[in-house]
Amino acid sequence: MFDRALLFDWGGTLMQTMPIYLGEKRGWSTVPAVDGAVDAVRTVSRSWRVALATNASESGDEAMLDAFAPLGIRECFSAVYSYGGAGHPKPWAEFWRYVLDNLKLPPERVVMVGDSYMDDIWGATEVGMNGIWFNQHSDERKEKKRIRTIHSYAELNAALVSLGFS
């Protein structure tokens, strides 16, 4: 087991923003992956524990992981951390403490990648984790001690290195 974890948000980060569907697995088969996401997940899963951290609440963990099967990356994910499982949504500290308790890793060994600065990055870094803001919609950057910005998955490895991970 790896001594570090890389968490990914789902909608807007790994898969294109999902339309509003109610019910388990509704419409997932028609939602494409974000450009570069599949290759990025495959690459990092060789040296990181990879997990999903999402505010999704209508489906169970296995159903969420099944959404990655058509992309060939289901086996790359070791866990799902969801609003339903944690009992609190991102960015609440309780969500992130639930994740850290389950990972059994110190927060500085965990990196969250997400497209919502507030929900994904701010919340994670408030409990001591690192964050990589996946901002594919503007040129805006936020660079702080434990925060980096990428505009495409081609920049992911450089951002991880700049956070001190090799």
N, C-alpha and C. Protein backbone atom coordinates (compact mmCIF):
# COMPACT_ATOMS: atom_id res chain seq x y z
N MET A 1 0.85 -1.18 0.00
CA MET A 1 0.00 0.00 0.00
C MET A 1 0.90 1.24 0.00
N PHE A 2 0.50 2.22 -0.77
CA PHE A 2 1.27 3.45 -0.89
C PHE A 2 1.10 4.33 0.35
N ASP A 3 2.14 5.12 0.64
CA ASP A 3 2.11 5.99 1.82
C ASP A 3 1.64 7.40 1.47
N ARG A 4 0.91 7.53 0.38
CA ARG A 4 0.34 8.80 -0.05
C ARG A 4 -0.91 8.52 -0.85
N ALA A 5 -1.81 9.51 -0.88
CA ALA A 5 -3.07 9.32 -1.59
C ALA A 5 -3.38 10.54 -2.44
N LEU A 6 -3.93 10.27 -3.60
CA LEU A 6 -4.38 11.31 -4.52
C LEU A 6 -5.88 11.13 -4.70
N LEU A 7 -6.62 12.14 -4.30
CA LEU A 7 -8.08 12.10 -4.37
C LEU A 7 -8.54 12.94 -5.55
N PHE A 8 -9.54 12.45 -6.26
CA PHE A 8 -10.11 13.18 -7.38
C PHE A 8 -11.60 13.45 -7.12
N ASP A 9 -12.03 14.66 -7.44
CA ASP A 9 -13.45 14.97 -7.51
C ASP A 9 -13.99 14.26 -8.75
N TRP A 10 -15.29 14.15 -8.84
CA TRP A 10 -15.88 13.42 -9.96
C TRP A 10 -16.33 14.37 -11.07
N GLY A 11 -17.51 14.96 -10.95
CA GLY A 11 -18.05 15.81 -12.00
C GLY A 11 -17.23 17.08 -12.20
N GLY A 12 -16.81 17.31 -13.44
CA GLY A 12 -16.01 18.48 -13.78
C GLY A 12 -14.52 18.28 -13.61
N THR A 13 -14.14 17.18 -12.96
CA THR A 13 -12.72 16.89 -12.74
C THR A 13 -12.32 15.62 -13.49
N LEU A 14 -13.01 14.52 -13.24
CA LEU A 14 -12.73 13.27 -13.96
C LEU A 14 -13.67 13.08 -15.14
N MET A 15 -14.92 13.42 -14.91
CA MET A 15 -15.91 13.30 -15.98
C MET A 15 -16.50 14.68 -16.21
N GLN A 16 -16.93 14.94 -17.43
CA GLN A 16 -17.53 16.23 -17.73
C GLN A 16 -18.67 16.47 -16.73
N THR A 17 -18.97 17.72 -16.48
CA THR A 17 -20.03 18.04 -15.54
C THR A 17 -21.30 17.30 -15.95
N MET A 18 -21.86 16.63 -14.98
CA MET A 18 -23.00 15.79 -15.26
C MET A 18 -24.28 16.61 -15.26
N PRO A 19 -25.18 16.28 -16.18
CA PRO A 19 -26.49 16.92 -16.14
C PRO A 19 -27.22 16.49 -14.87
N ILE A 20 -28.26 17.17 -14.54
CA ILE A 20 -29.03 16.83 -13.34
C ILE A 20 -29.86 15.58 -13.61
N TYR A 21 -29.52 14.54 -12.91
CA TYR A 21 -30.28 13.29 -12.99
C TYR A 21 -30.61 12.89 -11.56
N LEU A 22 -31.77 12.34 -11.39
CA LEU A 22 -32.14 11.84 -10.08
C LEU A 22 -32.17 10.32 -10.15
N GLY A 23 -31.60 9.69 -9.17
CA GLY A 23 -31.61 8.24 -9.13
C GLY A 23 -30.25 7.66 -9.39
N GLU A 24 -30.06 6.46 -8.88
CA GLU A 24 -28.78 5.78 -8.99
C GLU A 24 -28.42 5.50 -10.44
N LYS A 25 -27.20 5.84 -10.80
CA LYS A 25 -26.61 5.58 -12.12
C LYS A 25 -27.31 6.28 -13.28
N ARG A 26 -28.21 7.21 -13.04
CA ARG A 26 -28.94 7.85 -14.13
C ARG A 26 -28.02 8.64 -15.04
N GLY A 27 -27.93 8.27 -16.30
CA GLY A 27 -27.25 9.05 -17.32
C GLY A 27 -25.73 8.95 -17.34
N TRP A 28 -25.12 8.16 -16.47
CA TRP A 28 -23.66 8.13 -16.40
C TRP A 28 -23.01 7.61 -17.67
N SER A 29 -23.67 6.68 -18.34
CA SER A 29 -23.04 6.05 -19.50
C SER A 29 -22.85 7.03 -20.65
N THR A 30 -23.51 8.17 -20.60
CA THR A 30 -23.40 9.14 -21.69
C THR A 30 -22.49 10.31 -21.34
N VAL A 31 -21.90 10.31 -20.15
CA VAL A 31 -21.04 11.42 -19.73
C VAL A 31 -19.59 11.08 -20.04
N PRO A 32 -18.94 11.89 -20.90
CA PRO A 32 -17.54 11.58 -21.27
C PRO A 32 -16.55 12.01 -20.19
N ALA A 33 -15.38 11.41 -20.24
CA ALA A 33 -14.29 11.79 -19.33
C ALA A 33 -13.73 13.15 -19.75
N VAL A 34 -13.19 13.87 -18.79
CA VAL A 34 -12.48 15.11 -19.07
C VAL A 34 -11.21 14.76 -19.85
N ASP A 35 -10.83 15.59 -20.79
CA ASP A 35 -9.62 15.34 -21.59
C ASP A 35 -8.41 15.10 -20.69
N GLY A 36 -7.74 13.99 -20.91
CA GLY A 36 -6.52 13.66 -20.18
C GLY A 36 -6.73 12.96 -18.86
N ALA A 37 -7.97 12.91 -18.36
CA ALA A 37 -8.23 12.34 -17.03
C ALA A 37 -7.93 10.86 -16.97
N VAL A 38 -8.33 10.11 -17.96
CA VAL A 38 -8.14 8.65 -17.93
C VAL A 38 -6.65 8.31 -17.89
N ASP A 39 -5.87 8.93 -18.76
CA ASP A 39 -4.42 8.66 -18.76
C ASP A 39 -3.78 9.11 -17.46
N ALA A 40 -4.22 10.24 -16.92
CA ALA A 40 -3.66 10.74 -15.65
C ALA A 40 -3.93 9.76 -14.52
N VAL A 41 -5.15 9.25 -14.42
CA VAL A 41 -5.49 8.29 -13.37
C VAL A 41 -4.66 7.02 -13.52
N ARG A 42 -4.55 6.52 -14.72
CA ARG A 42 -3.76 5.31 -14.94
C ARG A 42 -2.31 5.52 -14.52
N THR A 43 -1.74 6.65 -14.88
CA THR A 43 -0.34 6.94 -14.56
C THR A 43 -0.12 7.07 -13.06
N VAL A 44 -0.93 7.89 -12.39
CA VAL A 44 -0.69 8.11 -10.96
C VAL A 44 -1.01 6.89 -10.12
N SER A 45 -1.90 6.03 -10.59
CA SER A 45 -2.26 4.84 -9.79
C SER A 45 -1.10 3.86 -9.65
N ARG A 46 -0.05 4.05 -10.42
CA ARG A 46 1.14 3.19 -10.28
C ARG A 46 1.95 3.53 -9.04
N SER A 47 1.82 4.76 -8.53
CA SER A 47 2.64 5.17 -7.38
C SER A 47 1.85 5.90 -6.30
N TRP A 48 0.55 5.99 -6.44
CA TRP A 48 -0.32 6.65 -5.47
C TRP A 48 -1.51 5.74 -5.17
N ARG A 49 -2.02 5.86 -3.96
CA ARG A 49 -3.34 5.32 -3.66
C ARG A 49 -4.32 6.34 -4.23
N VAL A 50 -5.20 5.92 -5.11
CA VAL A 50 -6.13 6.82 -5.79
C VAL A 50 -7.54 6.55 -5.29
N ALA A 51 -8.28 7.64 -5.01
CA ALA A 51 -9.65 7.49 -4.54
C ALA A 51 -10.52 8.63 -5.09
N LEU A 52 -11.80 8.42 -5.03
CA LEU A 52 -12.78 9.40 -5.45
C LEU A 52 -13.30 10.12 -4.21
N ALA A 53 -13.35 11.46 -4.26
CA ALA A 53 -13.92 12.26 -3.17
C ALA A 53 -15.00 13.14 -3.79
N THR A 54 -16.25 12.83 -3.51
CA THR A 54 -17.36 13.45 -4.23
C THR A 54 -18.52 13.81 -3.31
N ASN A 55 -19.27 14.80 -3.73
CA ASN A 55 -20.50 15.15 -3.03
C ASN A 55 -21.69 14.36 -3.55
N ALA A 56 -21.47 13.41 -4.43
CA ALA A 56 -22.55 12.56 -4.92
C ALA A 56 -23.19 11.84 -3.73
N SER A 57 -24.51 11.72 -3.76
CA SER A 57 -25.18 11.12 -2.60
C SER A 57 -26.25 10.10 -2.96
N GLU A 58 -26.61 9.98 -4.23
CA GLU A 58 -27.71 9.10 -4.58
C GLU A 58 -27.30 7.67 -4.88
N SER A 59 -26.01 7.43 -5.08
CA SER A 59 -25.56 6.10 -5.44
C SER A 59 -24.54 5.59 -4.43
N GLY A 60 -24.47 4.30 -4.28
CA GLY A 60 -23.49 3.70 -3.40
C GLY A 60 -22.10 3.70 -4.02
N ASP A 61 -21.12 3.38 -3.20
CA ASP A 61 -19.73 3.41 -3.65
C ASP A 61 -19.48 2.53 -4.87
N GLU A 62 -19.98 1.31 -4.84
CA GLU A 62 -19.76 0.39 -5.95
C GLU A 62 -20.38 0.91 -7.24
N ALA A 63 -21.56 1.49 -7.14
CA ALA A 63 -22.21 2.04 -8.33
C ALA A 63 -21.39 3.19 -8.90
N MET A 64 -20.82 4.01 -8.03
CA MET A 64 -19.97 5.12 -8.51
C MET A 64 -18.73 4.58 -9.20
N LEU A 65 -18.09 3.59 -8.60
CA LEU A 65 -16.91 3.00 -9.23
C LEU A 65 -17.24 2.35 -10.56
N ASP A 66 -18.44 1.77 -10.66
CA ASP A 66 -18.86 1.13 -11.91
C ASP A 66 -18.91 2.13 -13.07
N ALA A 67 -19.09 3.41 -12.76
CA ALA A 67 -19.11 4.44 -13.82
C ALA A 67 -17.76 4.53 -14.51
N PHE A 68 -16.69 4.09 -13.84
CA PHE A 68 -15.36 4.15 -14.43
C PHE A 68 -15.01 2.90 -15.23
N ALA A 69 -15.80 1.85 -15.12
CA ALA A 69 -15.51 0.60 -15.83
C ALA A 69 -15.43 0.80 -17.35
N PRO A 70 -16.37 1.52 -17.98
CA PRO A 70 -16.27 1.70 -19.43
C PRO A 70 -15.01 2.47 -19.85
N LEU A 71 -14.43 3.23 -18.93
CA LEU A 71 -13.22 4.00 -19.22
C LEU A 71 -11.96 3.17 -18.97
N GLY A 72 -12.11 2.01 -18.35
CA GLY A 72 -10.97 1.14 -18.06
C GLY A 72 -10.14 1.59 -16.88
N ILE A 73 -10.75 2.35 -15.96
CA ILE A 73 -9.98 2.83 -14.80
C ILE A 73 -10.62 2.45 -13.46
N ARG A 74 -11.63 1.62 -13.48
CA ARG A 74 -12.29 1.25 -12.22
C ARG A 74 -11.29 0.66 -11.23
N GLU A 75 -10.41 -0.21 -11.71
CA GLU A 75 -9.45 -0.89 -10.83
C GLU A 75 -8.38 0.05 -10.27
N CYS A 76 -8.29 1.25 -10.79
CA CYS A 76 -7.31 2.23 -10.29
C CYS A 76 -7.73 2.84 -8.96
N PHE A 77 -9.00 2.75 -8.61
CA PHE A 77 -9.54 3.41 -7.42
C PHE A 77 -9.61 2.44 -6.24
N SER A 78 -9.03 2.87 -5.12
CA SER A 78 -9.04 2.04 -3.93
C SER A 78 -10.24 2.30 -3.03
N ALA A 79 -10.88 3.48 -3.21
CA ALA A 79 -11.99 3.83 -2.32
C ALA A 79 -12.82 4.95 -2.93
N VAL A 80 -14.02 5.11 -2.37
CA VAL A 80 -14.90 6.23 -2.68
C VAL A 80 -15.22 6.92 -1.36
N TYR A 81 -15.06 8.23 -1.34
CA TYR A 81 -15.45 9.03 -0.19
C TYR A 81 -16.54 9.96 -0.69
N SER A 82 -17.76 9.72 -0.21
CA SER A 82 -18.91 10.47 -0.71
C SER A 82 -19.65 11.17 0.41
N TYR A 83 -20.47 12.11 0.02
CA TYR A 83 -21.35 12.82 0.95
C TYR A 83 -22.17 11.79 1.72
N GLY A 84 -22.71 10.80 0.99
CA GLY A 84 -23.52 9.78 1.64
C GLY A 84 -22.75 9.00 2.69
N GLY A 85 -21.51 8.63 2.39
CA GLY A 85 -20.71 7.85 3.33
C GLY A 85 -20.21 8.67 4.50
N ALA A 86 -19.82 9.90 4.24
CA ALA A 86 -19.26 10.76 5.29
C ALA A 86 -20.34 11.38 6.17
N GLY A 87 -21.53 11.53 5.62
CA GLY A 87 -22.60 12.19 6.38
C GLY A 87 -22.51 13.70 6.33
N HIS A 88 -21.54 14.22 5.63
CA HIS A 88 -21.35 15.66 5.47
C HIS A 88 -20.80 15.90 4.06
N PRO A 89 -21.14 17.02 3.45
CA PRO A 89 -20.60 17.32 2.13
C PRO A 89 -19.25 18.01 2.20
N LYS A 90 -18.54 18.00 1.07
CA LYS A 90 -17.38 18.88 0.94
C LYS A 90 -17.95 20.30 0.89
N PRO A 91 -17.37 21.29 1.43
CA PRO A 91 -16.03 21.40 1.99
C PRO A 91 -15.97 21.23 3.50
N TRP A 92 -17.01 20.75 4.16
CA TRP A 92 -17.02 20.66 5.61
C TRP A 92 -15.83 19.85 6.12
N ALA A 93 -15.26 20.31 7.21
CA ALA A 93 -14.11 19.63 7.82
C ALA A 93 -14.44 18.19 8.18
N GLU A 94 -15.69 17.91 8.57
CA GLU A 94 -16.10 16.55 8.93
C GLU A 94 -15.94 15.59 7.75
N PHE A 95 -16.21 16.07 6.54
CA PHE A 95 -16.01 15.24 5.36
C PHE A 95 -14.55 14.84 5.25
N TRP A 96 -13.66 15.84 5.35
CA TRP A 96 -12.23 15.59 5.17
C TRP A 96 -11.65 14.76 6.31
N ARG A 97 -12.15 14.93 7.53
CA ARG A 97 -11.68 14.10 8.65
C ARG A 97 -12.10 12.64 8.45
N TYR A 98 -13.29 12.44 7.91
CA TYR A 98 -13.74 11.10 7.56
C TYR A 98 -12.77 10.46 6.57
N VAL A 99 -12.39 11.21 5.55
CA VAL A 99 -11.45 10.71 4.53
C VAL A 99 -10.12 10.36 5.18
N LEU A 100 -9.57 11.27 5.96
CA LEU A 100 -8.26 11.05 6.58
C LEU A 100 -8.29 9.88 7.56
N ASP A 101 -9.37 9.75 8.33
CA ASP A 101 -9.48 8.62 9.25
C ASP A 101 -9.46 7.30 8.48
N ASN A 102 -10.15 7.26 7.35
CA ASN A 102 -10.20 6.05 6.56
C ASN A 102 -8.87 5.74 5.89
N LEU A 103 -8.21 6.77 5.36
CA LEU A 103 -6.93 6.57 4.68
C LEU A 103 -5.81 6.17 5.65
N LYS A 104 -5.95 6.60 6.90
CA LYS A 104 -4.91 6.37 7.91
C LYS A 104 -3.57 6.96 7.46
N LEU A 105 -3.65 8.15 6.90
CA LEU A 105 -2.48 8.91 6.46
C LEU A 105 -2.52 10.29 7.08
N PRO A 106 -1.35 10.88 7.33
CA PRO A 106 -1.35 12.27 7.79
C PRO A 106 -1.79 13.18 6.65
N PRO A 107 -2.43 14.30 6.94
CA PRO A 107 -2.98 15.15 5.89
C PRO A 107 -1.95 15.63 4.87
N GLU A 108 -0.70 15.83 5.29
CA GLU A 108 0.32 16.31 4.36
C GLU A 108 0.71 15.28 3.31
N ARG A 109 0.26 14.02 3.46
CA ARG A 109 0.53 12.95 2.49
C ARG A 109 -0.65 12.73 1.54
N VAL A 110 -1.63 13.64 1.59
CA VAL A 110 -2.84 13.51 0.77
C VAL A 110 -2.99 14.75 -0.10
N VAL A 111 -3.32 14.54 -1.37
CA VAL A 111 -3.55 15.63 -2.32
C VAL A 111 -4.95 15.47 -2.91
N MET A 112 -5.70 16.56 -2.90
CA MET A 112 -7.04 16.58 -3.51
C MET A 112 -6.97 17.33 -4.82
N VAL A 113 -7.50 16.74 -5.89
CA VAL A 113 -7.59 17.39 -7.20
C VAL A 113 -9.07 17.63 -7.49
N GLY A 114 -9.43 18.89 -7.74
CA GLY A 114 -10.82 19.18 -8.02
C GLY A 114 -11.02 20.47 -8.77
N ASP A 115 -12.18 20.58 -9.40
CA ASP A 115 -12.48 21.76 -10.20
C ASP A 115 -13.16 22.88 -9.42
N SER A 116 -13.65 22.60 -8.22
CA SER A 116 -14.27 23.64 -7.39
C SER A 116 -13.26 24.07 -6.34
N TYR A 117 -12.79 25.30 -6.46
CA TYR A 117 -11.79 25.77 -5.50
C TYR A 117 -12.35 25.70 -4.08
N MET A 118 -13.56 26.15 -3.90
CA MET A 118 -14.12 26.20 -2.55
C MET A 118 -14.40 24.80 -1.99
N ASP A 119 -15.13 23.99 -2.72
CA ASP A 119 -15.52 22.66 -2.21
C ASP A 119 -14.35 21.70 -2.13
N ASP A 120 -13.53 21.67 -3.16
CA ASP A 120 -12.48 20.65 -3.25
C ASP A 120 -11.17 21.09 -2.62
N ILE A 121 -10.72 22.27 -2.93
CA ILE A 121 -9.37 22.68 -2.54
C ILE A 121 -9.36 23.39 -1.19
N TRP A 122 -10.18 24.40 -1.03
CA TRP A 122 -10.19 25.14 0.22
C TRP A 122 -10.50 24.21 1.40
N GLY A 123 -11.54 23.40 1.26
CA GLY A 123 -11.92 22.52 2.36
C GLY A 123 -10.82 21.54 2.73
N ALA A 124 -10.20 20.94 1.71
CA ALA A 124 -9.13 19.96 1.97
C ALA A 124 -7.92 20.61 2.63
N THR A 125 -7.54 21.78 2.17
CA THR A 125 -6.35 22.42 2.73
C THR A 125 -6.61 22.98 4.13
N GLU A 126 -7.85 23.25 4.45
CA GLU A 126 -8.18 23.72 5.80
C GLU A 126 -7.90 22.65 6.86
N VAL A 127 -7.89 21.38 6.47
CA VAL A 127 -7.58 20.30 7.43
C VAL A 127 -6.15 19.80 7.25
N GLY A 128 -5.33 20.52 6.46
CA GLY A 128 -3.91 20.19 6.34
C GLY A 128 -3.50 19.42 5.11
N MET A 129 -4.47 19.09 4.25
CA MET A 129 -4.15 18.37 3.02
C MET A 129 -3.59 19.35 1.98
N ASN A 130 -3.07 18.80 0.90
CA ASN A 130 -2.63 19.58 -0.25
C ASN A 130 -3.77 19.62 -1.26
N GLY A 131 -3.77 20.65 -2.11
CA GLY A 131 -4.82 20.75 -3.12
C GLY A 131 -4.28 21.17 -4.46
N ILE A 132 -4.84 20.58 -5.50
CA ILE A 132 -4.54 20.99 -6.87
C ILE A 132 -5.86 21.38 -7.52
N TRP A 133 -5.97 22.69 -7.79
CA TRP A 133 -7.18 23.21 -8.40
C TRP A 133 -7.12 22.96 -9.90
N PHE A 134 -8.05 22.17 -10.41
CA PHE A 134 -8.14 21.86 -11.84
C PHE A 134 -9.06 22.91 -12.47
N ASN A 135 -8.45 23.99 -12.93
CA ASN A 135 -9.20 25.11 -13.48
C ASN A 135 -9.05 25.13 -15.00
N GLN A 136 -9.95 24.46 -15.67
CA GLN A 136 -9.87 24.40 -17.13
C GLN A 136 -10.73 25.46 -17.82
N HIS A 137 -11.32 26.36 -17.03
CA HIS A 137 -12.24 27.34 -17.62
C HIS A 137 -11.72 28.77 -17.63
N SER A 138 -10.57 29.03 -17.01
CA SER A 138 -10.01 30.39 -17.05
C SER A 138 -8.50 30.30 -16.86
N ASP A 139 -7.84 31.43 -17.00
CA ASP A 139 -6.39 31.48 -16.80
C ASP A 139 -6.02 31.73 -15.34
N GLU A 140 -7.02 31.89 -14.47
CA GLU A 140 -6.75 32.20 -13.06
C GLU A 140 -5.93 31.09 -12.41
N ARG A 141 -5.00 31.51 -11.57
CA ARG A 141 -4.17 30.57 -10.82
C ARG A 141 -4.24 30.93 -9.34
N LYS A 142 -4.17 29.94 -8.50
CA LYS A 142 -4.03 30.13 -7.06
C LYS A 142 -2.84 29.28 -6.65
N GLU A 143 -1.80 29.93 -6.19
CA GLU A 143 -0.58 29.24 -5.79
C GLU A 143 -0.27 29.65 -4.35
N LYS A 144 -0.32 28.72 -3.45
CA LYS A 144 -0.01 28.96 -2.05
C LYS A 144 0.86 27.82 -1.56
N LYS A 145 1.15 27.83 -0.28
CA LYS A 145 2.06 26.82 0.28
C LYS A 145 1.66 25.39 -0.10
N ARG A 146 0.39 25.04 0.05
CA ARG A 146 -0.07 23.67 -0.23
C ARG A 146 -1.07 23.61 -1.37
N ILE A 147 -1.08 24.65 -2.21
CA ILE A 147 -2.06 24.72 -3.30
C ILE A 147 -1.37 25.03 -4.62
N ARG A 148 -1.74 24.28 -5.64
CA ARG A 148 -1.27 24.54 -6.99
C ARG A 148 -2.48 24.57 -7.91
N THR A 149 -2.29 25.15 -9.09
CA THR A 149 -3.34 25.21 -10.10
C THR A 149 -2.84 24.53 -11.36
N ILE A 150 -3.69 23.73 -11.97
CA ILE A 150 -3.40 23.18 -13.29
C ILE A 150 -4.58 23.52 -14.20
N HIS A 151 -4.28 23.66 -15.48
CA HIS A 151 -5.33 23.93 -16.46
C HIS A 151 -5.58 22.73 -17.36
N SER A 152 -4.72 21.74 -17.27
CA SER A 152 -4.91 20.48 -18.00
C SER A 152 -4.17 19.38 -17.25
N TYR A 153 -4.52 18.16 -17.53
CA TYR A 153 -3.86 17.04 -16.85
C TYR A 153 -2.40 16.89 -17.25
N ALA A 154 -1.98 17.51 -18.33
CA ALA A 154 -0.56 17.48 -18.71
C ALA A 154 0.31 18.16 -17.65
N GLU A 155 -0.28 19.00 -16.82
CA GLU A 155 0.44 19.72 -15.77
C GLU A 155 0.43 19.02 -14.42
N LEU A 156 -0.28 17.90 -14.30
CA LEU A 156 -0.46 17.26 -13.00
C LEU A 156 0.85 16.84 -12.36
N ASN A 157 1.70 16.15 -13.07
CA ASN A 157 2.94 15.67 -12.48
C ASN A 157 3.81 16.82 -11.98
N ALA A 158 3.94 17.88 -12.75
CA ALA A 158 4.74 19.04 -12.33
C ALA A 158 4.16 19.65 -11.06
N ALA A 159 2.84 19.71 -10.96
CA ALA A 159 2.21 20.26 -9.75
C ALA A 159 2.50 19.38 -8.53
N LEU A 160 2.45 18.07 -8.71
CA LEU A 160 2.76 17.15 -7.61
C LEU A 160 4.23 17.30 -7.17
N VAL A 161 5.13 17.42 -8.13
CA VAL A 161 6.55 17.62 -7.81
C VAL A 161 6.73 18.93 -7.05
N SER A 162 6.07 19.99 -7.49
CA SER A 162 6.22 21.28 -6.81
C SER A 162 5.65 21.28 -5.40
N LEU A 163 4.76 20.32 -5.11
CA LEU A 163 4.25 20.16 -3.74
C LEU A 163 5.16 19.27 -2.89
N GLY A 164 6.23 18.77 -3.50
CA GLY A 164 7.20 17.97 -2.76
C GLY A 164 7.08 16.47 -2.96
N PHE A 165 6.27 16.04 -3.92
CA PHE A 165 6.10 14.61 -4.20
C PHE A 165 6.87 14.28 -5.47
N SER A 166 7.59 13.17 -5.44
CA SER A 166 8.33 12.77 -6.66
C SER A 166 7.78 11.48 -7.20
